[in-house]
Amino acid sequence: MTDLDTKPWYRQFWPWFIIALPASAVIASLYTVSLAVRTTDSLVVSSEDGMDVVASRHLAAERFATVHGVRATLTFDLQSGAIRAALTTDKAVEWPKTLQLLFSHPAFAHRDQHITMTAAMPDSDGGPVWSGHFVDVPDGRWYVVLADGDAWRLSGGWSGASVLRLEPAGTTDDGPG
């Protein structure tokens, strides 16, 4: 004789297993929608002037750095958070009293750090030097921009090394630290 399964369908394994697959997709999509609604897109930079004006300013500043051969060597003391920027140039440039150093996180804008670098004593070769200080020394990968307002701009990437060399057009050397 054969045993008949007399349990109702809701007490069986397979119906619930089959229902669970699309149900998990629905739950995952609702979670994705809630993430999209709750968070902002920090990768998109907006400005009052409009993106085309900001982009043209950045391009003009980078072009100036390329034409004048502006280069920077940033030295970081990762223990104390001290930053030293030594600049060189191929052509004469009037150096400012302060520079802006931006550490921009690739994904989260609230982690960005804006550091004002102030003119310090020239180095042993007589080259101009600026100094600044981290509030919190960042870890991981960061985009770095060193600029004199809209006059010139150098950019690159930093991964925690103690020395970072910035050259025009975004070329960098994040050498061993």
N, C-alpha and C. Protein backbone atom coordinates (compact mmCIF):
# COMPACT_ATOMS: atom_id res chain seq x y z
N MET A 1 0.79 -1.16 0.00
CA MET A 1 0.00 0.00 0.00
C MET A 1 0.86 1.26 0.00
N THR A 2 0.34 2.31 -0.57
CA THR A 2 1.11 3.56 -0.64
C THR A 2 0.64 4.53 0.42
N ASP A 3 1.61 5.27 0.95
CA ASP A 3 1.28 6.31 1.92
C ASP A 3 0.90 7.57 1.17
N LEU A 4 -0.20 8.12 1.47
CA LEU A 4 -0.62 9.38 0.88
C LEU A 4 -0.21 10.51 1.82
N ASP A 5 0.26 11.56 1.20
CA ASP A 5 0.65 12.73 1.98
C ASP A 5 -0.62 13.50 2.32
N THR A 6 -0.94 13.56 3.55
CA THR A 6 -2.19 14.18 3.96
C THR A 6 -2.02 15.56 4.55
N LYS A 7 -0.78 16.08 4.58
CA LYS A 7 -0.56 17.42 5.11
C LYS A 7 -1.10 18.45 4.12
N PRO A 8 -1.67 19.55 4.60
CA PRO A 8 -2.11 20.60 3.68
C PRO A 8 -0.91 21.28 3.02
N TRP A 9 -1.13 22.02 1.93
CA TRP A 9 -0.04 22.59 1.13
C TRP A 9 0.83 23.53 1.94
N TYR A 10 0.26 24.28 2.87
CA TYR A 10 1.03 25.26 3.63
C TYR A 10 1.94 24.62 4.68
N ARG A 11 1.84 23.32 4.83
CA ARG A 11 2.74 22.60 5.73
C ARG A 11 3.82 21.85 4.94
N GLN A 12 3.85 22.06 3.64
CA GLN A 12 4.83 21.41 2.78
C GLN A 12 6.06 22.32 2.62
N PHE A 13 7.20 21.75 2.34
CA PHE A 13 8.45 22.51 2.15
C PHE A 13 8.48 23.24 0.81
N TRP A 14 8.19 22.54 -0.28
CA TRP A 14 8.42 23.07 -1.63
C TRP A 14 7.58 24.30 -1.98
N PRO A 15 6.35 24.42 -1.62
CA PRO A 15 5.63 25.66 -1.93
C PRO A 15 6.28 26.88 -1.29
N TRP A 16 6.72 26.75 -0.04
CA TRP A 16 7.37 27.88 0.64
C TRP A 16 8.73 28.19 0.02
N PHE A 17 9.43 27.17 -0.40
CA PHE A 17 10.70 27.41 -1.07
C PHE A 17 10.50 28.18 -2.37
N ILE A 18 9.51 27.80 -3.14
CA ILE A 18 9.23 28.47 -4.41
C ILE A 18 8.74 29.90 -4.17
N ILE A 19 7.96 30.10 -3.12
CA ILE A 19 7.48 31.45 -2.79
C ILE A 19 8.63 32.33 -2.29
N ALA A 20 9.59 31.74 -1.60
CA ALA A 20 10.70 32.50 -1.01
C ALA A 20 11.60 33.15 -2.07
N LEU A 21 11.77 32.51 -3.21
CA LEU A 21 12.65 33.07 -4.25
C LEU A 21 12.16 34.42 -4.76
N PRO A 22 10.94 34.55 -5.28
CA PRO A 22 10.50 35.88 -5.71
C PRO A 22 10.30 36.85 -4.55
N ALA A 23 9.94 36.32 -3.36
CA ALA A 23 9.77 37.20 -2.20
C ALA A 23 11.09 37.86 -1.83
N SER A 24 12.21 37.13 -1.92
CA SER A 24 13.51 37.73 -1.60
C SER A 24 13.88 38.80 -2.63
N ALA A 25 13.50 38.61 -3.88
CA ALA A 25 13.76 39.63 -4.89
C ALA A 25 12.94 40.89 -4.62
N VAL A 26 11.71 40.73 -4.18
CA VAL A 26 10.87 41.88 -3.84
C VAL A 26 11.47 42.63 -2.65
N ILE A 27 11.91 41.92 -1.63
CA ILE A 27 12.50 42.56 -0.45
C ILE A 27 13.78 43.29 -0.83
N ALA A 28 14.62 42.68 -1.65
CA ALA A 28 15.86 43.34 -2.08
C ALA A 28 15.56 44.59 -2.89
N SER A 29 14.56 44.57 -3.74
CA SER A 29 14.22 45.75 -4.54
C SER A 29 13.67 46.86 -3.66
N LEU A 30 12.88 46.52 -2.65
CA LEU A 30 12.37 47.53 -1.72
C LEU A 30 13.51 48.16 -0.91
N TYR A 31 14.48 47.35 -0.53
CA TYR A 31 15.66 47.87 0.17
C TYR A 31 16.44 48.82 -0.74
N THR A 32 16.61 48.47 -2.00
CA THR A 32 17.32 49.33 -2.96
C THR A 32 16.58 50.64 -3.15
N VAL A 33 15.26 50.59 -3.25
CA VAL A 33 14.48 51.83 -3.38
C VAL A 33 14.64 52.69 -2.13
N SER A 34 14.64 52.08 -0.95
CA SER A 34 14.80 52.86 0.29
C SER A 34 16.18 53.49 0.35
N LEU A 35 17.22 52.80 -0.11
CA LEU A 35 18.56 53.39 -0.17
C LEU A 35 18.59 54.59 -1.12
N ALA A 36 17.96 54.46 -2.25
CA ALA A 36 17.95 55.54 -3.24
C ALA A 36 17.23 56.76 -2.70
N VAL A 37 16.19 56.55 -1.93
CA VAL A 37 15.41 57.67 -1.39
C VAL A 37 16.14 58.33 -0.22
N ARG A 38 16.78 57.54 0.65
CA ARG A 38 17.40 58.07 1.86
C ARG A 38 18.74 58.74 1.65
N THR A 39 19.51 58.36 0.65
CA THR A 39 20.87 58.89 0.49
C THR A 39 20.93 59.83 -0.71
N THR A 40 21.92 60.74 -0.64
CA THR A 40 22.15 61.65 -1.75
C THR A 40 23.26 61.10 -2.63
N ASP A 41 23.31 61.59 -3.83
CA ASP A 41 24.36 61.17 -4.75
C ASP A 41 25.55 62.09 -4.56
N SER A 42 26.45 61.74 -3.64
CA SER A 42 27.57 62.61 -3.30
C SER A 42 28.64 62.64 -4.39
N LEU A 43 28.53 61.77 -5.39
CA LEU A 43 29.51 61.79 -6.46
C LEU A 43 29.23 62.92 -7.45
N VAL A 44 28.03 63.46 -7.44
CA VAL A 44 27.68 64.54 -8.35
C VAL A 44 27.98 65.86 -7.65
N VAL A 45 28.81 66.68 -8.27
CA VAL A 45 29.17 67.98 -7.71
C VAL A 45 28.30 69.03 -8.37
N SER A 46 27.63 69.81 -7.54
CA SER A 46 26.79 70.87 -8.09
C SER A 46 27.32 72.22 -7.62
N SER A 47 26.99 73.26 -8.36
CA SER A 47 27.43 74.59 -7.98
C SER A 47 26.39 75.60 -8.44
N GLU A 48 26.50 76.80 -7.86
CA GLU A 48 25.58 77.86 -8.24
C GLU A 48 25.87 78.33 -9.66
N ASP A 49 27.13 78.30 -10.04
CA ASP A 49 27.55 78.81 -11.34
C ASP A 49 27.17 77.90 -12.49
N GLY A 50 26.91 76.66 -12.19
CA GLY A 50 26.65 75.71 -13.26
C GLY A 50 27.91 74.91 -13.52
N MET A 51 27.73 73.67 -13.91
CA MET A 51 28.87 72.77 -14.09
C MET A 51 29.81 73.22 -15.20
N ASP A 52 29.28 73.81 -16.27
CA ASP A 52 30.15 74.18 -17.37
C ASP A 52 31.10 75.31 -16.97
N VAL A 53 30.66 76.23 -16.13
CA VAL A 53 31.52 77.32 -15.67
C VAL A 53 32.61 76.79 -14.75
N VAL A 54 32.23 75.91 -13.82
CA VAL A 54 33.20 75.33 -12.89
C VAL A 54 34.22 74.50 -13.66
N ALA A 55 33.76 73.69 -14.60
CA ALA A 55 34.67 72.86 -15.38
C ALA A 55 35.63 73.72 -16.19
N SER A 56 35.16 74.81 -16.77
CA SER A 56 36.06 75.66 -17.55
C SER A 56 37.07 76.35 -16.65
N ARG A 57 36.69 76.71 -15.43
CA ARG A 57 37.66 77.29 -14.48
C ARG A 57 38.73 76.27 -14.12
N HIS A 58 38.31 75.03 -13.86
CA HIS A 58 39.27 73.99 -13.51
C HIS A 58 40.21 73.72 -14.68
N LEU A 59 39.69 73.67 -15.90
CA LEU A 59 40.53 73.45 -17.07
C LEU A 59 41.52 74.58 -17.26
N ALA A 60 41.06 75.82 -17.07
CA ALA A 60 41.96 76.98 -17.22
C ALA A 60 43.06 76.94 -16.16
N ALA A 61 42.72 76.57 -14.93
CA ALA A 61 43.71 76.49 -13.86
C ALA A 61 44.71 75.37 -14.13
N GLU A 62 44.25 74.24 -14.63
CA GLU A 62 45.15 73.13 -14.96
C GLU A 62 46.03 73.49 -16.17
N ARG A 63 45.47 74.21 -17.12
CA ARG A 63 46.25 74.66 -18.28
C ARG A 63 47.36 75.61 -17.83
N PHE A 64 47.06 76.54 -16.93
CA PHE A 64 48.06 77.46 -16.40
C PHE A 64 49.19 76.68 -15.73
N ALA A 65 48.84 75.67 -14.93
CA ALA A 65 49.86 74.85 -14.26
C ALA A 65 50.73 74.11 -15.27
N THR A 66 50.12 73.65 -16.36
CA THR A 66 50.88 72.95 -17.39
C THR A 66 51.83 73.91 -18.12
N VAL A 67 51.33 75.07 -18.50
CA VAL A 67 52.14 76.05 -19.24
C VAL A 67 53.32 76.53 -18.40
N HIS A 68 53.08 76.76 -17.11
CA HIS A 68 54.13 77.28 -16.24
C HIS A 68 54.95 76.19 -15.55
N GLY A 69 54.58 74.95 -15.76
CA GLY A 69 55.33 73.83 -15.19
C GLY A 69 55.27 73.77 -13.68
N VAL A 70 54.12 74.09 -13.12
CA VAL A 70 53.97 74.05 -11.66
C VAL A 70 53.95 72.59 -11.21
N ARG A 71 54.80 72.27 -10.22
CA ARG A 71 54.87 70.93 -9.64
C ARG A 71 54.92 71.06 -8.12
N ALA A 72 54.39 70.08 -7.44
CA ALA A 72 54.38 70.11 -5.97
C ALA A 72 54.82 68.77 -5.42
N THR A 73 55.53 68.82 -4.31
CA THR A 73 55.86 67.63 -3.55
C THR A 73 55.24 67.79 -2.18
N LEU A 74 54.27 66.95 -1.89
CA LEU A 74 53.60 66.98 -0.60
C LEU A 74 54.23 65.91 0.29
N THR A 75 54.62 66.32 1.49
CA THR A 75 55.20 65.40 2.46
C THR A 75 54.27 65.33 3.66
N PHE A 76 53.91 64.13 4.05
CA PHE A 76 52.96 63.92 5.13
C PHE A 76 53.65 63.25 6.31
N ASP A 77 53.43 63.78 7.50
CA ASP A 77 53.83 63.10 8.73
C ASP A 77 52.56 62.41 9.22
N LEU A 78 52.46 61.12 8.96
CA LEU A 78 51.23 60.39 9.23
C LEU A 78 50.96 60.23 10.73
N GLN A 79 51.97 60.41 11.56
CA GLN A 79 51.77 60.31 13.01
C GLN A 79 51.15 61.59 13.57
N SER A 80 51.72 62.74 13.19
CA SER A 80 51.24 64.01 13.75
C SER A 80 50.18 64.69 12.88
N GLY A 81 50.10 64.31 11.60
CA GLY A 81 49.14 64.94 10.70
C GLY A 81 49.67 66.17 10.00
N ALA A 82 50.95 66.49 10.18
CA ALA A 82 51.55 67.66 9.55
C ALA A 82 51.73 67.42 8.05
N ILE A 83 51.49 68.48 7.26
CA ILE A 83 51.63 68.41 5.81
C ILE A 83 52.57 69.53 5.38
N ARG A 84 53.48 69.21 4.48
CA ARG A 84 54.41 70.19 3.93
C ARG A 84 54.31 70.13 2.42
N ALA A 85 54.16 71.28 1.77
CA ALA A 85 54.06 71.35 0.31
C ALA A 85 55.20 72.21 -0.21
N ALA A 86 56.07 71.62 -1.01
CA ALA A 86 57.16 72.36 -1.66
C ALA A 86 56.82 72.46 -3.14
N LEU A 87 56.85 73.69 -3.69
CA LEU A 87 56.47 73.91 -5.08
C LEU A 87 57.67 74.35 -5.91
N THR A 88 57.64 73.92 -7.17
CA THR A 88 58.63 74.38 -8.15
C THR A 88 57.87 74.75 -9.42
N THR A 89 58.54 75.52 -10.27
CA THR A 89 57.92 75.94 -11.52
C THR A 89 58.99 76.18 -12.56
N ASP A 90 58.61 76.07 -13.83
CA ASP A 90 59.54 76.33 -14.93
C ASP A 90 59.60 77.81 -15.26
N LYS A 91 58.51 78.53 -15.02
CA LYS A 91 58.42 79.96 -15.31
C LYS A 91 58.11 80.70 -14.02
N ALA A 92 58.41 82.00 -13.99
CA ALA A 92 58.16 82.79 -12.79
C ALA A 92 56.66 82.87 -12.51
N VAL A 93 56.32 82.60 -11.26
CA VAL A 93 54.93 82.64 -10.80
C VAL A 93 54.92 83.40 -9.48
N GLU A 94 53.91 84.24 -9.29
CA GLU A 94 53.77 84.93 -8.01
C GLU A 94 53.07 83.97 -7.06
N TRP A 95 53.77 83.61 -5.99
CA TRP A 95 53.23 82.62 -5.06
C TRP A 95 52.29 83.28 -4.06
N PRO A 96 51.19 82.63 -3.73
CA PRO A 96 50.23 83.19 -2.77
C PRO A 96 50.67 82.93 -1.33
N LYS A 97 50.01 83.58 -0.39
CA LYS A 97 50.28 83.36 1.04
C LYS A 97 49.63 82.06 1.53
N THR A 98 48.52 81.68 0.88
CA THR A 98 47.83 80.44 1.27
C THR A 98 47.48 79.62 0.02
N LEU A 99 47.43 78.33 0.20
CA LEU A 99 46.98 77.39 -0.83
C LEU A 99 45.85 76.55 -0.24
N GLN A 100 45.01 76.03 -1.11
CA GLN A 100 43.92 75.16 -0.68
C GLN A 100 44.26 73.72 -1.06
N LEU A 101 44.20 72.83 -0.09
CA LEU A 101 44.44 71.41 -0.31
C LEU A 101 43.14 70.68 0.00
N LEU A 102 42.65 69.95 -0.98
CA LEU A 102 41.39 69.22 -0.82
C LEU A 102 41.67 67.73 -0.92
N PHE A 103 41.25 67.01 0.11
CA PHE A 103 41.25 65.55 0.08
C PHE A 103 39.81 65.13 -0.12
N SER A 104 39.51 64.57 -1.27
CA SER A 104 38.15 64.21 -1.63
C SER A 104 38.01 62.70 -1.64
N HIS A 105 37.06 62.21 -0.86
CA HIS A 105 36.81 60.77 -0.80
C HIS A 105 36.11 60.34 -2.09
N PRO A 106 36.47 59.19 -2.66
CA PRO A 106 35.86 58.76 -3.92
C PRO A 106 34.36 58.50 -3.84
N ALA A 107 33.83 58.22 -2.67
CA ALA A 107 32.41 57.86 -2.60
C ALA A 107 31.59 58.70 -1.63
N PHE A 108 32.19 59.25 -0.58
CA PHE A 108 31.42 59.93 0.46
C PHE A 108 31.89 61.36 0.64
N ALA A 109 31.07 62.32 0.23
CA ALA A 109 31.43 63.73 0.29
C ALA A 109 31.59 64.22 1.73
N HIS A 110 30.88 63.64 2.68
CA HIS A 110 30.99 64.10 4.07
C HIS A 110 32.35 63.78 4.69
N ARG A 111 33.16 62.95 4.04
CA ARG A 111 34.51 62.63 4.53
C ARG A 111 35.57 63.56 3.95
N ASP A 112 35.21 64.42 2.99
CA ASP A 112 36.17 65.32 2.37
C ASP A 112 36.83 66.22 3.41
N GLN A 113 38.10 66.56 3.16
CA GLN A 113 38.82 67.45 4.06
C GLN A 113 39.39 68.61 3.25
N HIS A 114 39.09 69.85 3.69
CA HIS A 114 39.63 71.06 3.09
C HIS A 114 40.68 71.60 4.06
N ILE A 115 41.90 71.73 3.58
CA ILE A 115 43.00 72.17 4.44
C ILE A 115 43.60 73.43 3.83
N THR A 116 43.74 74.47 4.64
CA THR A 116 44.39 75.69 4.19
C THR A 116 45.87 75.58 4.51
N MET A 117 46.69 75.68 3.48
CA MET A 117 48.14 75.62 3.63
C MET A 117 48.67 77.05 3.70
N THR A 118 49.48 77.36 4.70
CA THR A 118 50.03 78.71 4.85
C THR A 118 51.51 78.72 4.52
N ALA A 119 51.97 79.86 3.99
CA ALA A 119 53.38 79.99 3.59
C ALA A 119 54.27 79.80 4.82
N ALA A 120 55.35 79.06 4.63
CA ALA A 120 56.30 78.79 5.70
C ALA A 120 57.68 79.23 5.24
N MET A 121 58.68 78.93 6.03
CA MET A 121 60.06 79.27 5.66
C MET A 121 60.46 78.51 4.40
N PRO A 122 61.19 79.16 3.48
CA PRO A 122 61.64 78.46 2.27
C PRO A 122 62.53 77.27 2.62
N ASP A 123 62.58 76.31 1.70
CA ASP A 123 63.44 75.15 1.94
C ASP A 123 64.90 75.52 1.74
N SER A 124 65.80 74.57 1.85
CA SER A 124 67.24 74.83 1.78
C SER A 124 67.67 75.37 0.41
N ASP A 125 66.91 75.07 -0.65
CA ASP A 125 67.21 75.59 -1.99
C ASP A 125 66.58 76.95 -2.23
N GLY A 126 65.84 77.46 -1.26
CA GLY A 126 65.17 78.75 -1.42
C GLY A 126 63.81 78.64 -2.07
N GLY A 127 63.32 77.41 -2.29
CA GLY A 127 62.01 77.20 -2.90
C GLY A 127 60.89 77.46 -1.92
N PRO A 128 59.75 77.87 -2.42
CA PRO A 128 58.63 78.17 -1.54
C PRO A 128 58.03 76.90 -0.90
N VAL A 129 57.62 77.05 0.35
CA VAL A 129 57.07 75.93 1.12
C VAL A 129 55.81 76.41 1.84
N TRP A 130 54.80 75.54 1.91
CA TRP A 130 53.58 75.80 2.65
C TRP A 130 53.37 74.66 3.64
N SER A 131 52.71 74.97 4.74
CA SER A 131 52.45 73.93 5.73
C SER A 131 50.99 73.95 6.15
N GLY A 132 50.52 72.79 6.55
CA GLY A 132 49.15 72.63 7.01
C GLY A 132 49.07 71.42 7.91
N HIS A 133 47.85 71.08 8.31
CA HIS A 133 47.70 70.00 9.27
C HIS A 133 46.35 69.31 9.07
N PHE A 134 46.37 67.97 9.10
CA PHE A 134 45.13 67.19 9.07
C PHE A 134 44.42 67.33 10.40
N VAL A 135 43.10 67.34 10.37
CA VAL A 135 42.33 67.19 11.60
C VAL A 135 42.37 65.71 11.97
N ASP A 136 42.01 64.87 11.03
CA ASP A 136 42.13 63.41 11.16
C ASP A 136 42.88 62.91 9.94
N VAL A 137 43.94 62.15 10.16
CA VAL A 137 44.70 61.60 9.03
C VAL A 137 43.85 60.56 8.33
N PRO A 138 43.55 60.78 7.04
CA PRO A 138 42.68 59.83 6.34
C PRO A 138 43.41 58.54 5.98
N ASP A 139 42.65 57.48 5.83
CA ASP A 139 43.23 56.23 5.36
C ASP A 139 42.45 55.80 4.12
N GLY A 140 43.07 54.95 3.34
CA GLY A 140 42.43 54.51 2.10
C GLY A 140 42.85 55.37 0.92
N ARG A 141 42.07 55.33 -0.14
CA ARG A 141 42.37 56.06 -1.38
C ARG A 141 41.59 57.37 -1.41
N TRP A 142 42.28 58.46 -1.83
CA TRP A 142 41.69 59.80 -1.87
C TRP A 142 42.11 60.52 -3.14
N TYR A 143 41.25 61.41 -3.63
CA TYR A 143 41.61 62.33 -4.69
C TYR A 143 42.15 63.59 -4.01
N VAL A 144 43.24 64.12 -4.56
CA VAL A 144 43.90 65.27 -3.96
C VAL A 144 43.93 66.41 -4.98
N VAL A 145 43.58 67.62 -4.52
CA VAL A 145 43.67 68.81 -5.35
C VAL A 145 44.40 69.87 -4.54
N LEU A 146 45.47 70.40 -5.11
CA LEU A 146 46.21 71.52 -4.52
C LEU A 146 46.02 72.69 -5.47
N ALA A 147 45.51 73.83 -4.95
CA ALA A 147 45.17 74.93 -5.84
C ALA A 147 45.44 76.28 -5.18
N ASP A 148 45.68 77.25 -6.04
CA ASP A 148 45.75 78.66 -5.67
C ASP A 148 44.49 79.31 -6.21
N GLY A 149 43.38 79.08 -5.54
CA GLY A 149 42.10 79.61 -6.01
C GLY A 149 41.81 79.12 -7.42
N ASP A 150 41.55 80.07 -8.34
CA ASP A 150 41.32 79.73 -9.74
C ASP A 150 42.56 79.97 -10.59
N ALA A 151 43.70 80.36 -9.97
CA ALA A 151 44.91 80.67 -10.73
C ALA A 151 45.55 79.42 -11.32
N TRP A 152 45.84 78.43 -10.50
CA TRP A 152 46.38 77.16 -10.98
C TRP A 152 45.89 76.04 -10.08
N ARG A 153 46.03 74.82 -10.60
CA ARG A 153 45.48 73.66 -9.89
C ARG A 153 46.26 72.41 -10.28
N LEU A 154 46.62 71.61 -9.29
CA LEU A 154 47.25 70.31 -9.50
C LEU A 154 46.37 69.25 -8.84
N SER A 155 46.25 68.11 -9.48
CA SER A 155 45.40 67.07 -8.90
C SER A 155 46.04 65.70 -9.08
N GLY A 156 45.61 64.77 -8.25
CA GLY A 156 46.13 63.42 -8.33
C GLY A 156 45.45 62.52 -7.31
N GLY A 157 46.03 61.36 -7.06
CA GLY A 157 45.49 60.40 -6.12
C GLY A 157 46.48 60.08 -5.03
N TRP A 158 45.98 59.81 -3.83
CA TRP A 158 46.82 59.51 -2.68
C TRP A 158 46.30 58.26 -2.00
N SER A 159 47.22 57.37 -1.62
CA SER A 159 46.84 56.11 -0.97
C SER A 159 47.51 55.92 0.38
N GLY A 160 47.95 57.01 0.99
CA GLY A 160 48.52 56.90 2.33
C GLY A 160 50.03 56.95 2.40
N ALA A 161 50.71 57.19 1.27
CA ALA A 161 52.17 57.28 1.29
C ALA A 161 52.61 58.57 1.98
N SER A 162 53.86 58.61 2.43
CA SER A 162 54.34 59.81 3.13
C SER A 162 54.77 60.91 2.16
N VAL A 163 54.93 60.58 0.87
CA VAL A 163 55.31 61.59 -0.13
C VAL A 163 54.39 61.44 -1.34
N LEU A 164 53.90 62.58 -1.82
CA LEU A 164 53.05 62.61 -3.02
C LEU A 164 53.56 63.71 -3.92
N ARG A 165 53.87 63.36 -5.17
CA ARG A 165 54.31 64.36 -6.15
C ARG A 165 53.17 64.63 -7.11
N LEU A 166 52.82 65.92 -7.23
CA LEU A 166 51.76 66.34 -8.15
C LEU A 166 52.37 67.12 -9.29
N GLU A 167 51.96 66.77 -10.49
CA GLU A 167 52.41 67.46 -11.68
C GLU A 167 51.19 67.90 -12.49
N PRO A 168 51.37 68.79 -13.45
CA PRO A 168 50.22 69.23 -14.24
C PRO A 168 49.52 68.06 -14.94
N ALA A 169 48.27 68.26 -15.25
CA ALA A 169 47.43 67.30 -15.97
C ALA A 169 47.18 66.05 -15.15
N GLY A 170 47.27 66.17 -13.82
CA GLY A 170 46.86 65.06 -12.96
C GLY A 170 47.85 63.93 -12.85
N THR A 171 49.06 64.05 -13.37
CA THR A 171 50.03 62.98 -13.22
C THR A 171 50.57 63.01 -11.80
N THR A 172 50.64 61.85 -11.17
CA THR A 172 51.10 61.81 -9.79
C THR A 172 52.06 60.65 -9.58
N ASP A 173 52.78 60.75 -8.50
CA ASP A 173 53.64 59.66 -8.07
C ASP A 173 53.41 59.50 -6.58
N ASP A 174 52.56 58.58 -6.22
CA ASP A 174 52.28 58.28 -4.82
C ASP A 174 53.25 57.20 -4.41
N GLY A 175 54.51 57.62 -4.25
CA GLY A 175 55.60 56.70 -4.03
C GLY A 175 55.53 56.01 -2.68
N PRO A 176 56.45 55.08 -2.44
CA PRO A 176 56.46 54.36 -1.18
C PRO A 176 56.73 55.31 -0.04
N GLY A 177 56.13 55.03 1.08
CA GLY A 177 56.24 55.93 2.20
C GLY A 177 57.12 55.37 3.23
